[in-house]
Amino acid sequence: MREDGETADGWDSVVLDEAFVRGAEVSEPSGRARMLAARWRQEAPEPQPWRADKPPAGWFFGRRRRRWR
């Protein structure tokens, strides 16, 4: 610390507010995105259909609903 009360590096006057963060030009991908990218570089994933051919587990088609009286 200097005699006038300021630190020598000058970081005390820097404000890291929302405008500063949103103004950043570079954004780093999430950890999950980096993990999947590394995995897919080794072996590409198999294509998946947008809609499944089978209903999700736990769905029972043709089962009638009971009426509450």
PDB file of N, CA and C in Angstrom:
ATOM      1  N   MET A   1       0.845  -1.167   0.000  1.00  0.00           N
ATOM      2  CA  MET A   1       0.000   0.000   0.000  1.00  0.00           C
ATOM      3  C   MET A   1       0.895   1.236   0.000  1.00  0.00           C
ATOM      4  N   ARG A   2       0.486   2.236  -0.764  1.00  0.00           N
ATOM      5  CA  ARG A   2       1.263   3.470  -0.832  1.00  0.00           C
ATOM      6  C   ARG A   2       0.842   4.409   0.290  1.00  0.00           C
ATOM      7  N   GLU A   3       1.550   5.505   0.408  1.00  0.00           N
ATOM      8  CA  GLU A   3       1.274   6.467   1.481  1.00  0.00           C
ATOM      9  C   GLU A   3      -0.083   7.142   1.333  1.00  0.00           C
ATOM     10  N   ASP A   4      -0.584   7.320   0.091  1.00  0.00           N
ATOM     11  CA  ASP A   4      -1.860   8.017  -0.104  1.00  0.00           C
ATOM     12  C   ASP A   4      -3.069   7.092   0.104  1.00  0.00           C
ATOM     13  N   GLY A   5      -2.850   5.807   0.450  1.00  0.00           N
ATOM     14  CA  GLY A   5      -3.945   4.904   0.770  1.00  0.00           C
ATOM     15  C   GLY A   5      -4.365   4.005  -0.380  1.00  0.00           C
ATOM     16  N   GLU A   6      -3.832   4.198  -1.589  1.00  0.00           N
ATOM     17  CA  GLU A   6      -4.184   3.355  -2.726  1.00  0.00           C
ATOM     18  C   GLU A   6      -3.187   2.215  -2.864  1.00  0.00           C
ATOM     19  N   THR A   7      -3.675   1.117  -3.414  1.00  0.00           N
ATOM     20  CA  THR A   7      -2.763   0.011  -3.672  1.00  0.00           C
ATOM     21  C   THR A   7      -2.001   0.281  -4.951  1.00  0.00           C
ATOM     22  N   ALA A   8      -0.894  -0.356  -5.113  1.00  0.00           N
ATOM     23  CA  ALA A   8      -0.028  -0.108  -6.256  1.00  0.00           C
ATOM     24  C   ALA A   8      -0.589  -0.688  -7.549  1.00  0.00           C
ATOM     25  N   ASP A   9      -1.445  -1.704  -7.455  1.00  0.00           N
ATOM     26  CA  ASP A   9      -1.915  -2.339  -8.687  1.00  0.00           C
ATOM     27  C   ASP A   9      -3.108  -1.620  -9.322  1.00  0.00           C
ATOM     28  N   GLY A  10      -3.869  -0.821  -8.612  1.00  0.00           N
ATOM     29  CA  GLY A  10      -4.962  -0.047  -9.183  1.00  0.00           C
ATOM     30  C   GLY A  10      -6.263  -0.796  -9.364  1.00  0.00           C
ATOM     31  N   TRP A  11      -6.395  -2.007  -8.867  1.00  0.00           N
ATOM     32  CA  TRP A  11      -7.622  -2.802  -9.043  1.00  0.00           C
ATOM     33  C   TRP A  11      -8.741  -2.371  -8.109  1.00  0.00           C
ATOM     34  N   ASP A  12      -8.457  -1.516  -7.144  1.00  0.00           N
ATOM     35  CA  ASP A  12      -9.515  -1.075  -6.225  1.00  0.00           C
ATOM     36  C   ASP A  12     -10.548  -0.193  -6.926  1.00  0.00           C
ATOM     37  N   SER A  13     -10.166   0.479  -7.999  1.00  0.00           N
ATOM     38  CA  SER A  13     -11.089   1.379  -8.684  1.00  0.00           C
ATOM     39  C   SER A  13     -11.882   0.696  -9.799  1.00  0.00           C
ATOM     40  N   VAL A  14     -11.599  -0.564 -10.109  1.00  0.00           N
ATOM     41  CA  VAL A  14     -12.280  -1.276 -11.181  1.00  0.00           C
ATOM     42  C   VAL A  14     -13.623  -1.794 -10.668  1.00  0.00           C
ATOM     43  N   VAL A  15     -14.691  -1.553 -11.467  1.00  0.00           N
ATOM     44  CA  VAL A  15     -16.031  -2.004 -11.105  1.00  0.00           C
ATOM     45  C   VAL A  15     -16.436  -3.102 -12.087  1.00  0.00           C
ATOM     46  N   LEU A  16     -16.699  -4.295 -11.581  1.00  0.00           N
ATOM     47  CA  LEU A  16     -17.122  -5.426 -12.410  1.00  0.00           C
ATOM     48  C   LEU A  16     -18.637  -5.582 -12.280  1.00  0.00           C
ATOM     49  N   ASP A  17     -19.369  -4.717 -12.963  1.00  0.00           N
ATOM     50  CA  ASP A  17     -20.826  -4.749 -12.886  1.00  0.00           C
ATOM     51  C   ASP A  17     -21.407  -5.540 -14.053  1.00  0.00           C
ATOM     52  N   GLU A  18     -22.734  -5.576 -14.150  1.00  0.00           N
ATOM     53  CA  GLU A  18     -23.411  -6.366 -15.179  1.00  0.00           C
ATOM     54  C   GLU A  18     -23.088  -5.857 -16.582  1.00  0.00           C
ATOM     55  N   ALA A  19     -22.984  -4.567 -16.758  1.00  0.00           N
ATOM     56  CA  ALA A  19     -22.658  -4.009 -18.072  1.00  0.00           C
ATOM     57  C   ALA A  19     -21.276  -4.469 -18.521  1.00  0.00           C
ATOM     58  N   PHE A  20     -20.342  -4.547 -17.590  1.00  0.00           N
ATOM     59  CA  PHE A  20     -19.000  -5.011 -17.916  1.00  0.00           C
ATOM     60  C   PHE A  20     -19.030  -6.480 -18.341  1.00  0.00           C
ATOM     61  N   VAL A  21     -19.771  -7.300 -17.602  1.00  0.00           N
ATOM     62  CA  VAL A  21     -19.839  -8.730 -17.890  1.00  0.00           C
ATOM     63  C   VAL A  21     -20.537  -8.975 -19.223  1.00  0.00           C
ATOM     64  N   ARG A  22     -21.656  -8.299 -19.466  1.00  0.00           N
ATOM     65  CA  ARG A  22     -22.397  -8.493 -20.722  1.00  0.00           C
ATOM     66  C   ARG A  22     -21.643  -7.946 -21.927  1.00  0.00           C
ATOM     67  N   GLY A  23     -20.736  -7.019 -21.703  1.00  0.00           N
ATOM     68  CA  GLY A  23     -19.953  -6.442 -22.784  1.00  0.00           C
ATOM     69  C   GLY A  23     -18.760  -7.284 -23.195  1.00  0.00           C
ATOM     70  N   ALA A  24     -18.552  -8.406 -22.537  1.00  0.00           N
ATOM     71  CA  ALA A  24     -17.418  -9.270 -22.868  1.00  0.00           C
ATOM     72  C   ALA A  24     -17.594  -9.853 -24.270  1.00  0.00           C
ATOM     73  N   GLU A  25     -16.525  -9.873 -25.033  1.00  0.00           N
ATOM     74  CA  GLU A  25     -16.591 -10.383 -26.399  1.00  0.00           C
ATOM     75  C   GLU A  25     -16.452 -11.895 -26.467  1.00  0.00           C
ATOM     76  N   VAL A  26     -15.802 -12.493 -25.520  1.00  0.00           N
ATOM     77  CA  VAL A  26     -15.541 -13.930 -25.527  1.00  0.00           C
ATOM     78  C   VAL A  26     -16.292 -14.574 -24.370  1.00  0.00           C
ATOM     79  N   SER A  27     -16.960 -15.687 -24.656  1.00  0.00           N
ATOM     80  CA  SER A  27     -17.591 -16.444 -23.581  1.00  0.00           C
ATOM     81  C   SER A  27     -17.063 -17.870 -23.631  1.00  0.00           C
ATOM     82  N   GLU A  28     -16.776 -18.406 -22.477  1.00  0.00           N
ATOM     83  CA  GLU A  28     -16.219 -19.756 -22.380  1.00  0.00           C
ATOM     84  C   GLU A  28     -17.362 -20.760 -22.304  1.00  0.00           C
ATOM     85  N   PRO A  29     -17.246 -21.890 -23.035  1.00  0.00           N
ATOM     86  CA  PRO A  29     -18.309 -22.900 -22.960  1.00  0.00           C
ATOM     87  C   PRO A  29     -18.367 -23.531 -21.564  1.00  0.00           C
ATOM     88  N   SER A  30     -19.510 -24.085 -21.253  1.00  0.00           N
ATOM     89  CA  SER A  30     -19.690 -24.719 -19.949  1.00  0.00           C
ATOM     90  C   SER A  30     -18.835 -25.980 -19.849  1.00  0.00           C
ATOM     91  N   GLY A  31     -18.688 -26.477 -18.649  1.00  0.00           N
ATOM     92  CA  GLY A  31     -17.924 -27.700 -18.434  1.00  0.00           C
ATOM     93  C   GLY A  31     -18.532 -28.888 -19.165  1.00  0.00           C
ATOM     94  N   ARG A  32     -19.864 -28.962 -19.165  1.00  0.00           N
ATOM     95  CA  ARG A  32     -20.535 -30.067 -19.871  1.00  0.00           C
ATOM     96  C   ARG A  32     -20.294 -29.978 -21.375  1.00  0.00           C
ATOM     97  N   ALA A  33     -20.335 -28.764 -21.925  1.00  0.00           N
ATOM     98  CA  ALA A  33     -20.093 -28.596 -23.361  1.00  0.00           C
ATOM     99  C   ALA A  33     -18.662 -29.001 -23.717  1.00  0.00           C
ATOM    100  N   ARG A  34     -17.698 -28.649 -22.878  1.00  0.00           N
ATOM    101  CA  ARG A  34     -16.298 -29.044 -23.129  1.00  0.00           C
ATOM    102  C   ARG A  34     -16.132 -30.552 -23.031  1.00  0.00           C
ATOM    103  N   MET A  35     -16.810 -31.180 -22.046  1.00  0.00           N
ATOM    104  CA  MET A  35     -16.714 -32.626 -21.875  1.00  0.00           C
ATOM    105  C   MET A  35     -17.286 -33.355 -23.087  1.00  0.00           C
ATOM    106  N   LEU A  36     -18.467 -32.923 -23.555  1.00  0.00           N
ATOM    107  CA  LEU A  36     -19.083 -33.575 -24.707  1.00  0.00           C
ATOM    108  C   LEU A  36     -18.267 -33.351 -25.977  1.00  0.00           C
ATOM    109  N   ALA A  37     -17.704 -32.169 -26.143  1.00  0.00           N
ATOM    110  CA  ALA A  37     -16.885 -31.897 -27.327  1.00  0.00           C
ATOM    111  C   ALA A  37     -15.660 -32.807 -27.353  1.00  0.00           C
ATOM    112  N   ALA A  38     -15.029 -33.012 -26.195  1.00  0.00           N
ATOM    113  CA  ALA A  38     -13.866 -33.897 -26.132  1.00  0.00           C
ATOM    114  C   ALA A  38     -14.268 -35.341 -26.416  1.00  0.00           C
ATOM    115  N   ARG A  39     -15.408 -35.762 -25.885  1.00  0.00           N
ATOM    116  CA  ARG A  39     -15.878 -37.126 -26.113  1.00  0.00           C
ATOM    117  C   ARG A  39     -16.218 -37.340 -27.584  1.00  0.00           C
ATOM    118  N   TRP A  40     -16.864 -36.342 -28.214  1.00  0.00           N
ATOM    119  CA  TRP A  40     -17.299 -36.482 -29.599  1.00  0.00           C
ATOM    120  C   TRP A  40     -16.134 -36.370 -30.576  1.00  0.00           C
ATOM    121  N   ARG A  41     -15.014 -35.763 -30.153  1.00  0.00           N
ATOM    122  CA  ARG A  41     -13.828 -35.755 -31.019  1.00  0.00           C
ATOM    123  C   ARG A  41     -13.285 -37.169 -31.187  1.00  0.00           C
ATOM    124  N   GLN A  42     -13.378 -37.974 -30.135  1.00  0.00           N
ATOM    125  CA  GLN A  42     -12.897 -39.356 -30.184  1.00  0.00           C
ATOM    126  C   GLN A  42     -13.861 -40.248 -30.943  1.00  0.00           C
ATOM    127  N   GLU A  43     -15.152 -40.103 -30.662  1.00  0.00           N
ATOM    128  CA  GLU A  43     -16.169 -40.940 -31.304  1.00  0.00           C
ATOM    129  C   GLU A  43     -17.451 -40.132 -31.460  1.00  0.00           C
ATOM    130  N   ALA A  44     -17.898 -39.987 -32.689  1.00  0.00           N
ATOM    131  CA  ALA A  44     -19.107 -39.197 -32.945  1.00  0.00           C
ATOM    132  C   ALA A  44     -20.338 -39.911 -32.382  1.00  0.00           C
ATOM    133  N   PRO A  45     -21.305 -39.162 -31.850  1.00  0.00           N
ATOM    134  CA  PRO A  45     -22.511 -39.799 -31.311  1.00  0.00           C
ATOM    135  C   PRO A  45     -23.393 -40.329 -32.435  1.00  0.00           C
ATOM    136  N   GLU A  46     -24.166 -41.349 -32.116  1.00  0.00           N
ATOM    137  CA  GLU A  46     -25.115 -41.895 -33.084  1.00  0.00           C
ATOM    138  C   GLU A  46     -26.288 -40.935 -33.209  1.00  0.00           C
ATOM    139  N   PRO A  47     -26.836 -40.790 -34.413  1.00  0.00           N
ATOM    140  CA  PRO A  47     -27.987 -39.883 -34.563  1.00  0.00           C
ATOM    141  C   PRO A  47     -29.195 -40.392 -33.781  1.00  0.00           C
ATOM    142  N   GLN A  48     -29.885 -39.466 -33.161  1.00  0.00           N
ATOM    143  CA  GLN A  48     -31.070 -39.804 -32.380  1.00  0.00           C
ATOM    144  C   GLN A  48     -32.289 -39.192 -33.058  1.00  0.00           C
ATOM    145  N   PRO A  49     -33.411 -39.918 -33.106  1.00  0.00           N
ATOM    146  CA  PRO A  49     -34.618 -39.334 -33.704  1.00  0.00           C
ATOM    147  C   PRO A  49     -35.175 -38.230 -32.806  1.00  0.00           C
ATOM    148  N   TRP A  50     -35.860 -37.290 -33.425  1.00  0.00           N
ATOM    149  CA  TRP A  50     -36.458 -36.213 -32.645  1.00  0.00           C
ATOM    150  C   TRP A  50     -37.563 -36.755 -31.748  1.00  0.00           C
ATOM    151  N   ARG A  51     -38.364 -37.625 -32.281  1.00  0.00           N
ATOM    152  CA  ARG A  51     -39.420 -38.265 -31.507  1.00  0.00           C
ATOM    153  C   ARG A  51     -39.113 -39.752 -31.403  1.00  0.00           C
ATOM    154  N   ALA A  52     -39.290 -40.300 -30.242  1.00  0.00           N
ATOM    155  CA  ALA A  52     -39.013 -41.710 -30.036  1.00  0.00           C
ATOM    156  C   ALA A  52     -40.099 -42.562 -30.695  1.00  0.00           C
ATOM    157  N   ASP A  53     -39.718 -43.731 -31.168  1.00  0.00           N
ATOM    158  CA  ASP A  53     -40.686 -44.652 -31.754  1.00  0.00           C
ATOM    159  C   ASP A  53     -41.570 -45.271 -30.682  1.00  0.00           C
ATOM    160  N   LYS A  54     -41.022 -45.465 -29.510  1.00  0.00           N
ATOM    161  CA  LYS A  54     -41.762 -46.078 -28.407  1.00  0.00           C
ATOM    162  C   LYS A  54     -42.159 -44.995 -27.405  1.00  0.00           C
ATOM    163  N   PRO A  55     -43.252 -45.207 -26.675  1.00  0.00           N
ATOM    164  CA  PRO A  55     -43.624 -44.226 -25.657  1.00  0.00           C
ATOM    165  C   PRO A  55     -42.618 -44.254 -24.499  1.00  0.00           C
ATOM    166  N   PRO A  56     -42.518 -43.161 -23.768  1.00  0.00           N
ATOM    167  CA  PRO A  56     -41.599 -43.129 -22.622  1.00  0.00           C
ATOM    168  C   PRO A  56     -41.971 -44.185 -21.584  1.00  0.00           C
ATOM    169  N   ALA A  57     -41.005 -44.590 -20.808  1.00  0.00           N
ATOM    170  CA  ALA A  57     -41.236 -45.590 -19.766  1.00  0.00           C
ATOM    171  C   ALA A  57     -42.269 -45.074 -18.771  1.00  0.00           C
ATOM    172  N   GLY A  58     -43.182 -45.924 -18.378  1.00  0.00           N
ATOM    173  CA  GLY A  58     -44.189 -45.550 -17.412  1.00  0.00           C
ATOM    174  C   GLY A  58     -45.515 -45.134 -18.025  1.00  0.00           C
ATOM    175  N   TRP A  59     -45.560 -44.952 -19.333  1.00  0.00           N
ATOM    176  CA  TRP A  59     -46.809 -44.591 -19.989  1.00  0.00           C
ATOM    177  C   TRP A  59     -47.562 -45.863 -20.349  1.00  0.00           C
ATOM    178  N   PHE A  60     -48.826 -45.881 -20.075  1.00  0.00           N
ATOM    179  CA  PHE A  60     -49.641 -47.044 -20.397  1.00  0.00           C
ATOM    180  C   PHE A  60     -50.770 -46.603 -21.313  1.00  0.00           C
ATOM    181  N   PHE A  61     -50.653 -46.937 -22.569  1.00  0.00           N
ATOM    182  CA  PHE A  61     -51.692 -46.591 -23.519  1.00  0.00           C
ATOM    183  C   PHE A  61     -52.771 -47.667 -23.490  1.00  0.00           C
ATOM    184  N   GLY A  62     -53.993 -47.254 -23.655  1.00  0.00           N
ATOM    185  CA  GLY A  62     -55.099 -48.183 -23.657  1.00  0.00           C
ATOM    186  C   GLY A  62     -55.656 -48.440 -22.275  1.00  0.00           C
ATOM    187  N   ARG A  63     -55.030 -47.942 -21.279  1.00  0.00           N
ATOM    188  CA  ARG A  63     -55.520 -48.115 -19.914  1.00  0.00           C
ATOM    189  C   ARG A  63     -56.556 -47.035 -19.635  1.00  0.00           C
ATOM    190  N   ARG A  64     -57.705 -47.432 -19.169  1.00  0.00           N
ATOM    191  CA  ARG A  64     -58.775 -46.469 -18.928  1.00  0.00           C
ATOM    192  C   ARG A  64     -58.577 -45.770 -17.594  1.00  0.00           C
ATOM    193  N   ARG A  65     -58.977 -44.531 -17.580  1.00  0.00           N
ATOM    194  CA  ARG A  65     -58.908 -43.765 -16.323  1.00  0.00           C
ATOM    195  C   ARG A  65     -60.139 -44.052 -15.484  1.00  0.00           C
ATOM    196  N   ARG A  66     -59.948 -44.125 -14.217  1.00  0.00           N
ATOM    197  CA  ARG A  66     -61.073 -44.313 -13.299  1.00  0.00           C
ATOM    198  C   ARG A  66     -61.732 -42.984 -13.025  1.00  0.00           C
ATOM    199  N   ARG A  67     -63.046 -43.002 -12.987  1.00  0.00           N
ATOM    200  CA  ARG A  67     -63.777 -41.790 -12.670  1.00  0.00           C
ATOM    201  C   ARG A  67     -63.975 -41.715 -11.162  1.00  0.00           C
ATOM    202  N   TRP A  68     -63.747 -40.567 -10.641  1.00  0.00           N
ATOM    203  CA  TRP A  68     -63.952 -40.348  -9.209  1.00  0.00           C
ATOM    204  C   TRP A  68     -65.403 -39.941  -8.982  1.00  0.00           C
ATOM    205  N   ARG A  69     -66.019 -40.572  -8.040  1.00  0.00           N
ATOM    206  CA  ARG A  69     -67.423 -40.270  -7.743  1.00  0.00           C
ATOM    207  C   ARG A  69     -67.561 -39.555  -6.446  1.00  0.00           C
TER     208      ARG A  69
END
